[in-house]
């Protein structure tokens, strides 16, 4: 065969493959949602696909046709599968780069890469959350997947890599947002919509008190979050303000906050219930069961590790104790932010710590004069006192609240 024949064969094979994938996609994809403007949201195996009607404008952070475009017909959100859950280089992806891999995924989904854009994540597409809010004829829909138990963070946290020659480390965990607006929003206001949506995502994460995995702070998202905003260029509704004072901004905020919380609950079991736990709240400061046992084992009393850990886990779920925990931790945060002087903050924290026996309550009162040390940090003192109470206090937290709230 000559070169021209080979090229024809390759093109024919590519067309056949594309047609076959399109046929497969049509027969196996599940319609999850249809907006009032006609956008169709499907789930197909490890991907969410948003099919856009003509006349749509998009603004995305995708490596595939990212930025502002007026020719995108499909947006996908794809679950990247890897041989392990550990971090890995982008060069390990099929195609050797994220942009090449994104184009390959589009083809495998039966989509035209030139008119498609895609987001990527480790989240399971079965855990997608879709929320819609409307006002008069204005409608906003958020399609979100999320997981931040691995790489939740906040701006200013220590970096994980320095990108060189297009290569960097891929870290599992992402909140991906597809925001669909049935109004004609100019490109500069679409940027404003990205800002509002990003703030709304941070609101959801902070209201859940999700910890940063890279500092002692509260996370605002993950280090790999992506977003796509869709606007209808043919709509009679023209809105050039997507800020928090505008009704469009309000709807964006509500949709993104609600869908983000739902997605995190489904993917990561991050809920108000899971967060009502002393150990969970102390996690961002590196305080865990091992730290507690280290302190408790050096104290007077019976040294039975399994029994101590069981008591620790039970008491940690007591809402009253969690309430005091959050109060003390907020004092610690405010001291670190420079909003409270350390001496005054420590004095207030010690007062709260001394109230623990009345809250639980305990049969044996802790010797605060021996346990509390003003030269030690607030958190060290917290661990000393609560470890003593768990080991020697014979506390009986309200089982009703511990088990059901």
Protein backbone atom coordinates (compact mmCIF):
# COMPACT_ATOMS: atom_id res chain seq x y z
CA UNK A 1 0.00 0.00 0.00
CA UNK A 2 1.12 3.55 -0.64
CA UNK A 3 1.04 6.41 1.83
CA UNK A 4 -2.25 7.82 0.52
CA UNK A 5 -3.98 4.45 0.86
CA UNK A 6 -2.67 4.06 4.40
CA UNK A 7 -3.97 7.50 5.30
CA UNK A 8 -7.41 6.70 3.85
CA UNK A 9 -7.51 3.48 5.85
CA UNK A 10 -6.61 5.35 9.02
CA UNK A 11 -9.30 7.97 8.38
CA UNK A 12 -11.89 5.26 7.60
CA UNK A 13 -10.93 3.39 10.75
CA UNK A 14 -11.20 6.59 12.78
CA UNK A 15 -14.65 7.39 11.32
CA UNK A 16 -15.81 3.82 12.00
CA UNK A 17 -14.52 3.98 15.55
CA UNK A 18 -16.20 7.34 16.14
CA UNK A 19 -19.52 6.14 14.70
CA UNK A 20 -19.37 2.96 16.77
CA UNK A 21 -18.67 4.91 19.96
CA UNK A 22 -21.46 7.34 19.17
CA UNK A 23 -23.86 4.41 18.72
CA UNK A 24 -22.68 2.82 21.97
CA UNK A 25 -22.99 6.13 23.81
CA UNK A 26 -26.54 6.64 22.54
CA UNK A 27 -27.61 3.22 23.76
CA UNK A 28 -25.96 3.29 27.21
CA UNK A 29 -26.10 6.90 28.42
CA UNK A 30 -28.68 7.85 31.04
CA UNK A 31 -30.48 11.18 30.89
CA UNK A 32 -30.21 12.79 34.33
CA UNK A 33 -31.56 16.27 33.72
CA UNK A 34 -32.84 18.66 31.08
CA UNK A 35 -32.76 22.40 31.64
CA UNK A 36 -35.51 24.74 30.50
CA UNK A 37 -33.13 25.97 27.80
CA UNK A 38 -32.65 22.50 26.33
CA UNK A 39 -29.27 21.47 27.74
CA UNK A 40 -29.22 17.70 28.21
CA UNK A 41 -27.22 16.19 31.06
CA UNK A 42 -26.28 12.52 30.66
CA UNK A 43 -24.28 10.01 32.64
CA UNK A 44 -22.29 7.52 30.60
CA UNK A 45 -20.22 5.07 32.64
CA UNK A 46 -17.40 7.19 34.17
CA UNK A 47 -18.47 10.48 32.59
CA UNK A 48 -21.10 13.18 32.85
CA UNK A 49 -21.87 14.72 29.44
CA UNK A 50 -23.67 18.03 28.96
CA UNK A 51 -25.02 18.41 25.43
CA UNK A 52 -25.41 22.07 24.51
CA UNK A 53 -27.94 23.47 22.03
CA UNK A 54 -26.62 25.89 19.37
CA UNK A 55 -25.82 29.45 20.44
CA UNK A 56 -24.05 28.67 23.70
CA UNK A 57 -20.99 30.48 25.04
CA UNK A 58 -18.62 28.72 27.42
CA UNK A 59 -15.87 29.75 29.79
CA UNK A 60 -13.89 26.84 31.21
CA UNK A 61 -10.64 25.97 32.95
CA UNK A 62 -10.25 22.89 30.77
CA UNK A 63 -7.01 21.86 29.04
CA UNK A 64 -9.19 20.99 26.04
CA UNK A 65 -10.62 24.08 24.33
CA UNK A 66 -10.52 26.00 27.59
CA UNK A 67 -11.05 29.71 28.11
CA UNK A 68 -13.84 31.60 26.35
CA UNK A 69 -15.43 29.83 23.35
CA UNK A 70 -18.56 30.12 21.23
CA UNK A 71 -18.30 26.81 19.38
CA UNK A 72 -18.50 24.20 22.16
CA UNK A 73 -21.23 21.58 21.81
CA UNK A 74 -20.29 19.20 24.61
CA UNK A 75 -18.90 19.53 28.12
CA UNK A 76 -17.84 16.36 29.89
CA UNK A 77 -16.73 15.59 33.44
CA UNK A 78 -14.68 12.40 33.47
CA UNK A 79 -13.49 10.14 36.26
CA UNK A 80 -9.81 9.41 35.71
CA UNK A 81 -8.86 5.90 36.76
CA UNK A 82 -5.28 5.17 37.78
CA UNK A 83 -3.43 2.10 38.94
CA UNK A 84 -3.31 3.47 42.50
CA UNK A 85 -4.75 6.26 44.60
CA UNK A 86 -1.37 7.91 45.08
CA UNK A 87 -0.20 11.03 43.27
CA UNK A 88 1.12 10.48 39.76
CA UNK A 89 2.72 12.48 36.95
CA UNK A 90 0.63 13.69 34.02
CA UNK A 91 3.10 11.96 31.69
CA UNK A 92 1.62 8.65 32.89
CA UNK A 93 -1.71 9.50 31.23
CA UNK A 94 -2.55 8.11 27.81
CA UNK A 95 -1.26 10.65 25.31
CA UNK A 96 1.44 11.89 27.69
CA UNK A 97 -0.28 15.14 28.68
CA UNK A 98 -3.61 16.30 30.06
CA UNK A 99 -4.63 18.08 26.86
CA UNK A 100 -3.90 14.99 24.75
CA UNK A 101 -5.65 12.75 27.27
CA UNK A 102 -8.69 15.06 27.32
CA UNK A 103 -8.97 14.82 23.52
CA UNK A 104 -8.70 11.03 23.70
CA UNK A 105 -11.50 10.89 26.28
CA UNK A 106 -13.71 13.05 24.06
CA UNK A 107 -13.17 10.62 21.18
CA UNK A 108 -13.89 7.62 23.38
CA UNK A 109 -17.15 9.26 24.41
CA UNK A 110 -18.07 9.69 20.74
CA UNK A 111 -17.63 13.48 20.91
CA UNK A 112 -15.84 15.71 18.44
CA UNK A 113 -12.70 16.92 20.27
CA UNK A 114 -12.65 20.23 18.38
CA UNK A 115 -16.05 21.22 19.77
CA UNK A 116 -15.78 19.59 23.19
CA UNK A 117 -14.30 20.66 26.49
CA UNK A 118 -13.75 18.51 29.54
CA UNK A 119 -13.13 18.44 33.25
CA UNK A 120 -11.39 15.59 35.07
CA UNK A 121 -11.59 14.18 38.57
CA UNK A 122 -11.19 11.07 40.68
CA UNK A 123 -14.81 11.35 41.89
CA UNK A 124 -17.39 8.74 40.95
CA UNK A 125 -19.97 10.07 38.50
CA UNK A 126 -22.70 8.21 40.40
CA UNK A 127 -22.20 10.82 43.12
CA UNK A 128 -22.99 13.80 40.90
CA UNK A 129 -25.26 16.48 42.38
CA UNK A 130 -27.54 18.65 40.23
CA UNK A 131 -29.32 21.70 41.63
CA UNK A 132 -31.51 24.29 39.88
CA UNK A 133 -32.82 27.63 41.13
CA UNK A 134 -34.91 30.14 39.21
CA UNK A 135 -36.37 33.63 39.46
CA UNK A 136 -39.00 34.74 36.94
CA UNK A 137 -37.61 33.46 33.62
CA UNK A 138 -34.03 33.24 34.85
CA UNK A 139 -32.73 29.74 35.59
CA UNK A 140 -29.37 28.57 36.91
CA UNK A 141 -28.29 24.93 37.13
CA UNK A 142 -25.18 23.57 38.85
CA UNK A 143 -23.80 20.11 38.03
CA UNK A 144 -21.12 19.20 40.59
CA UNK A 145 -18.93 16.28 41.61
CA UNK A 146 -16.59 16.59 44.55
CA UNK A 147 -14.16 14.96 46.91
CA UNK A 148 -11.62 16.75 49.12
CA UNK A 149 -10.62 14.18 51.73
CA UNK A 150 -7.23 13.79 50.03
CA UNK A 151 -6.25 17.24 48.78
CA UNK A 152 -8.55 19.74 50.45
CA UNK A 153 -6.69 23.01 50.89
CA UNK A 154 -6.80 26.78 51.02
CA UNK A 155 -4.97 29.51 49.07
CA UNK A 156 -1.50 30.09 50.52
CA UNK A 157 -0.99 26.50 51.69
CA UNK A 158 2.44 25.01 50.92
CA UNK A 159 2.66 23.96 47.27
CA UNK A 160 2.84 20.31 46.20
CA UNK A 161 4.99 20.88 43.11
CA UNK A 162 6.60 23.42 40.77
CA UNK A 163 5.48 22.89 37.19
CA UNK A 164 8.30 22.51 34.67
CA UNK A 165 8.17 21.62 30.98
CA UNK A 166 4.44 21.05 31.13
CA UNK A 167 4.77 18.28 33.70
CA UNK A 168 3.37 18.24 37.22
CA UNK A 169 1.93 15.87 39.78
CA UNK A 170 -1.74 14.90 39.58
CA UNK A 171 -3.28 14.70 43.06
CA UNK A 172 -6.62 12.89 43.57
CA UNK A 173 -9.56 14.91 44.83
CA UNK A 174 -11.45 17.63 42.95
CA UNK A 175 -14.61 19.71 43.06
CA UNK A 176 -15.76 20.09 39.46
CA UNK A 177 -18.53 22.57 38.68
CA UNK A 178 -20.57 22.95 35.50
CA UNK A 179 -22.74 26.06 35.74
CA UNK A 180 -25.53 26.51 33.18
CA UNK A 181 -27.22 29.92 32.90
CA UNK A 182 -30.21 30.40 30.59
CA UNK A 183 -29.40 34.09 30.12
CA UNK A 184 -27.16 35.94 27.68
CA UNK A 185 -24.18 36.79 29.88
CA UNK A 186 -21.27 38.65 28.24
CA UNK A 187 -17.79 37.18 28.56
CA UNK A 188 -16.64 39.60 31.26
CA UNK A 189 -19.70 38.80 33.40
CA UNK A 190 -19.04 35.09 32.90
CA UNK A 191 -15.70 35.69 34.62
CA UNK A 192 -17.69 37.33 37.41
CA UNK A 193 -19.86 34.18 37.54
CA UNK A 194 -16.71 32.08 38.02
CA UNK A 195 -15.75 34.30 40.96
CA UNK A 196 -19.19 34.02 42.56
CA UNK A 197 -19.30 30.25 42.03
CA UNK A 198 -15.83 29.85 43.52
CA UNK A 199 -16.85 31.82 46.60
CA UNK A 200 -20.01 29.72 46.91
CA UNK A 201 -17.95 26.53 46.78
CA UNK A 202 -15.74 27.93 49.55
CA UNK A 203 -18.86 28.71 51.59
CA UNK A 204 -20.03 25.10 51.30
CA UNK A 205 -16.65 23.67 52.29
CA UNK A 206 -16.19 26.10 55.19
CA UNK A 207 -19.71 25.53 56.53
CA UNK A 208 -18.76 21.85 56.70
CA UNK A 209 -15.50 22.82 58.44
CA UNK A 210 -13.53 20.59 56.10
CA UNK A 211 -9.84 20.69 57.07
CA UNK A 212 -6.97 21.62 54.82
CA UNK A 213 -4.66 18.66 54.27
CA UNK A 214 -1.67 20.98 54.02
CA UNK A 215 -2.06 23.39 56.94
CA UNK A 216 -4.01 23.94 60.16
CA UNK A 217 -6.60 26.01 58.31
CA UNK A 218 -10.09 25.30 57.03
CA UNK A 219 -10.21 24.25 53.37
CA UNK A 220 -11.88 26.35 50.70
CA UNK A 221 -11.81 23.65 48.03
CA UNK A 222 -9.25 21.29 46.56
CA UNK A 223 -6.03 22.07 44.75
CA UNK A 224 -7.37 20.74 41.44
CA UNK A 225 -10.87 22.26 41.20
CA UNK A 226 -12.22 22.98 37.72
CA UNK A 227 -15.22 24.91 36.41
CA UNK A 228 -17.21 25.42 33.22
CA UNK A 229 -19.77 28.22 32.80
CA UNK A 230 -22.41 28.10 30.05
CA UNK A 231 -24.37 31.12 28.82
CA UNK A 232 -27.15 31.29 26.21
CA UNK A 233 -26.23 33.82 23.52
CA UNK A 234 -29.72 33.51 21.99
CA UNK A 235 -31.60 34.32 25.18
CA UNK A 236 -33.74 37.45 25.44
CA UNK A 237 -32.54 37.81 29.04
CA UNK A 238 -29.36 39.91 29.05
CA UNK A 239 -27.46 40.09 32.34
CA UNK A 240 -24.04 41.65 32.71
CA UNK A 241 -23.70 41.35 36.49
CA UNK A 242 -23.12 38.02 38.23
CA UNK A 243 -21.89 39.47 41.51
CA UNK A 244 -23.33 38.77 44.95
CA UNK A 245 -25.68 41.78 44.88
CA UNK A 246 -27.40 40.60 41.69
CA UNK A 247 -30.21 38.05 41.49
CA UNK A 248 -28.07 36.02 39.07
CA UNK A 249 -25.29 35.98 41.65
CA UNK A 250 -27.74 34.89 44.35
CA UNK A 251 -28.96 31.97 42.23
CA UNK A 252 -25.40 30.95 41.39
CA UNK A 253 -24.50 31.05 45.08
CA UNK A 254 -27.48 28.93 46.13
CA UNK A 255 -27.01 26.35 43.38
CA UNK A 256 -23.28 25.89 43.88
CA UNK A 257 -23.42 25.83 47.68
CA UNK A 258 -26.23 23.27 47.77
CA UNK A 259 -24.82 21.03 45.03
CA UNK A 260 -21.31 21.14 46.50
CA UNK A 261 -22.56 19.99 49.90
CA UNK A 262 -24.64 17.24 48.33
CA UNK A 263 -21.72 16.03 46.18
CA UNK A 264 -19.32 15.98 49.14
CA UNK A 265 -21.84 14.07 51.22
CA UNK A 266 -22.29 11.45 48.51
CA UNK A 267 -18.63 11.11 47.54
CA UNK A 268 -16.75 11.71 50.80
CA UNK A 269 -19.43 11.23 53.48
CA UNK A 270 -18.66 14.80 54.51
CA UNK A 271 -21.83 15.83 56.34
CA UNK A 272 -22.92 17.75 59.46
CA UNK A 273 -23.23 14.35 61.19
CA UNK A 274 -19.71 13.22 60.29
CA UNK A 275 -18.32 16.58 61.41
CA UNK A 276 -19.99 16.42 64.84
CA UNK A 277 -16.95 14.66 66.26
CA UNK A 278 -14.16 15.99 68.46
CA UNK A 279 -11.48 13.86 66.78
CA UNK A 280 -12.58 15.00 63.32
CA UNK A 281 -12.34 18.65 64.37
CA UNK A 282 -8.88 18.14 65.89
CA UNK A 283 -7.59 16.33 62.81
CA UNK A 284 -6.31 19.49 61.10
CA UNK A 285 -3.99 20.08 64.05
CA UNK A 286 -2.51 16.60 63.84
CA UNK A 287 -4.27 15.35 66.97
CA UNK A 288 -5.51 11.77 66.63
CA UNK A 289 -6.05 8.58 68.62
CA UNK A 290 -2.30 7.89 68.81
CA UNK A 291 -1.58 11.32 70.26
CA UNK A 292 -4.31 10.81 72.85
CA UNK A 293 -3.01 7.40 73.89
CA UNK A 294 0.54 8.73 74.12
CA UNK A 295 -0.60 11.27 76.71
CA UNK A 296 -3.05 8.96 78.50
CA UNK A 297 -0.61 6.07 78.88
CA UNK A 298 1.71 8.25 80.97
CA UNK A 299 -1.06 9.26 83.37
CA UNK A 300 -2.19 7.46 86.50
CA UNK A 301 -4.94 4.92 86.01
CA UNK A 302 -5.46 1.63 84.23
CA UNK A 303 -3.57 1.33 80.96
CA UNK A 304 -5.88 -0.55 78.62
CA UNK A 305 -5.44 0.93 75.17
CA UNK A 306 -8.41 -0.72 73.47
CA UNK A 307 -10.76 0.37 76.23
CA UNK A 308 -9.37 3.91 76.20
CA UNK A 309 -9.72 4.23 72.40
CA UNK A 310 -13.29 2.96 72.56
CA UNK A 311 -14.15 5.53 75.23
CA UNK A 312 -12.39 8.23 73.22
CA UNK A 313 -14.40 7.43 70.09
CA UNK A 314 -17.68 7.43 72.03
CA UNK A 315 -17.09 10.65 73.92
CA UNK A 316 -15.80 12.38 70.76
CA UNK A 317 -19.31 12.19 69.30
CA UNK A 318 -20.98 13.93 72.23
CA UNK A 319 -22.47 17.16 70.78
CA UNK A 320 -21.84 19.11 74.01
CA UNK A 321 -18.15 18.20 73.97
CA UNK A 322 -17.94 19.00 70.26
CA UNK A 323 -19.47 22.41 71.03
CA UNK A 324 -16.72 23.19 73.53
CA UNK A 325 -14.12 21.81 71.11
CA UNK A 326 -15.22 24.14 68.32
CA UNK A 327 -15.24 27.11 70.69
CA UNK A 328 -11.69 26.42 71.81
CA UNK A 329 -10.50 25.80 68.25
CA UNK A 330 -12.02 29.07 67.10
CA UNK A 331 -10.02 30.85 69.78
CA UNK A 332 -6.91 29.07 68.47
CA UNK A 333 -7.77 30.19 64.93
CA UNK A 334 -8.37 33.80 65.95
CA UNK A 335 -5.03 33.90 67.77
CA UNK A 336 -3.30 32.57 64.63
CA UNK A 337 -5.07 35.22 62.50
CA UNK A 338 -3.91 37.98 64.83
CA UNK A 339 -7.44 38.85 65.94
CA UNK A 340 -6.93 37.87 69.59
CA UNK A 341 -3.92 38.34 71.87
CA UNK A 342 -2.56 34.96 72.89
CA UNK A 343 -2.65 35.59 76.64
CA UNK A 344 -6.32 36.63 76.65
CA UNK A 345 -7.26 33.84 74.26
CA UNK A 346 -5.54 31.22 76.41
CA UNK A 347 -7.28 32.49 79.53
CA UNK A 348 -10.67 32.19 77.84
CA UNK A 349 -9.80 28.73 76.47
CA UNK A 350 -8.77 27.50 79.93
CA UNK A 351 -12.11 28.68 81.29
CA UNK A 352 -13.92 26.63 78.66
CA UNK A 353 -11.73 23.58 79.33
CA UNK A 354 -12.56 23.75 83.05
CA UNK A 355 -16.24 23.52 82.13
CA UNK A 356 -15.89 20.10 80.44
CA UNK A 357 -16.66 18.06 83.61
CA UNK A 358 -20.00 19.84 83.99
CA UNK A 359 -20.93 19.25 80.36
CA UNK A 360 -20.21 15.52 80.07
CA UNK A 361 -20.60 15.04 83.21
CA UNK A 362 -17.91 13.08 85.09
CA UNK A 363 -17.84 11.25 88.40
CA UNK A 364 -14.17 12.00 89.09
CA UNK A 365 -13.17 15.65 88.84
CA UNK A 366 -9.88 16.29 87.03
CA UNK A 367 -6.98 17.91 88.97
CA UNK A 368 -6.78 21.06 86.87
CA UNK A 369 -3.99 22.50 89.04
CA UNK A 370 -1.78 19.62 87.90
CA UNK A 371 -3.05 19.22 84.34
CA UNK A 372 -3.23 22.81 83.08
CA UNK A 373 0.04 24.51 82.21
CA UNK A 374 0.04 28.08 80.93
CA UNK A 375 3.46 27.54 79.35
CA UNK A 376 2.01 24.87 77.06
CA UNK A 377 -0.23 25.54 74.06
CA UNK A 378 -4.01 25.62 74.28
CA UNK A 379 -4.27 22.39 72.28
CA UNK A 380 -1.71 20.58 74.44
CA UNK A 381 -3.73 21.51 77.50
CA UNK A 382 -6.91 20.39 75.78
CA UNK A 383 -5.43 16.95 75.12
CA UNK A 384 -4.08 16.63 78.68
CA UNK A 385 -7.46 17.35 80.27
CA UNK A 386 -9.68 15.39 77.92
CA UNK A 387 -7.29 12.39 77.97
CA UNK A 388 -7.41 12.38 81.79
CA UNK A 389 -11.20 12.61 81.80
CA UNK A 390 -11.55 9.73 79.35
CA UNK A 391 -9.14 7.57 81.33
CA UNK A 392 -10.12 8.43 84.89
CA UNK A 393 -13.25 10.58 84.88
CA UNK A 394 -15.76 7.78 84.44
CA UNK A 395 -17.83 10.06 82.25
CA UNK A 396 -21.14 8.96 80.80
CA UNK A 397 -22.00 11.08 77.76
CA UNK A 398 -25.65 11.16 76.75
CA UNK A 399 -25.95 8.06 74.54
CA UNK A 400 -29.08 9.42 72.91
CA UNK A 401 -27.23 12.41 71.51
CA UNK A 402 -24.01 10.51 70.80
CA UNK A 403 -25.72 7.85 68.71
CA UNK A 404 -28.52 9.74 66.99
CA UNK A 405 -27.39 13.34 66.43
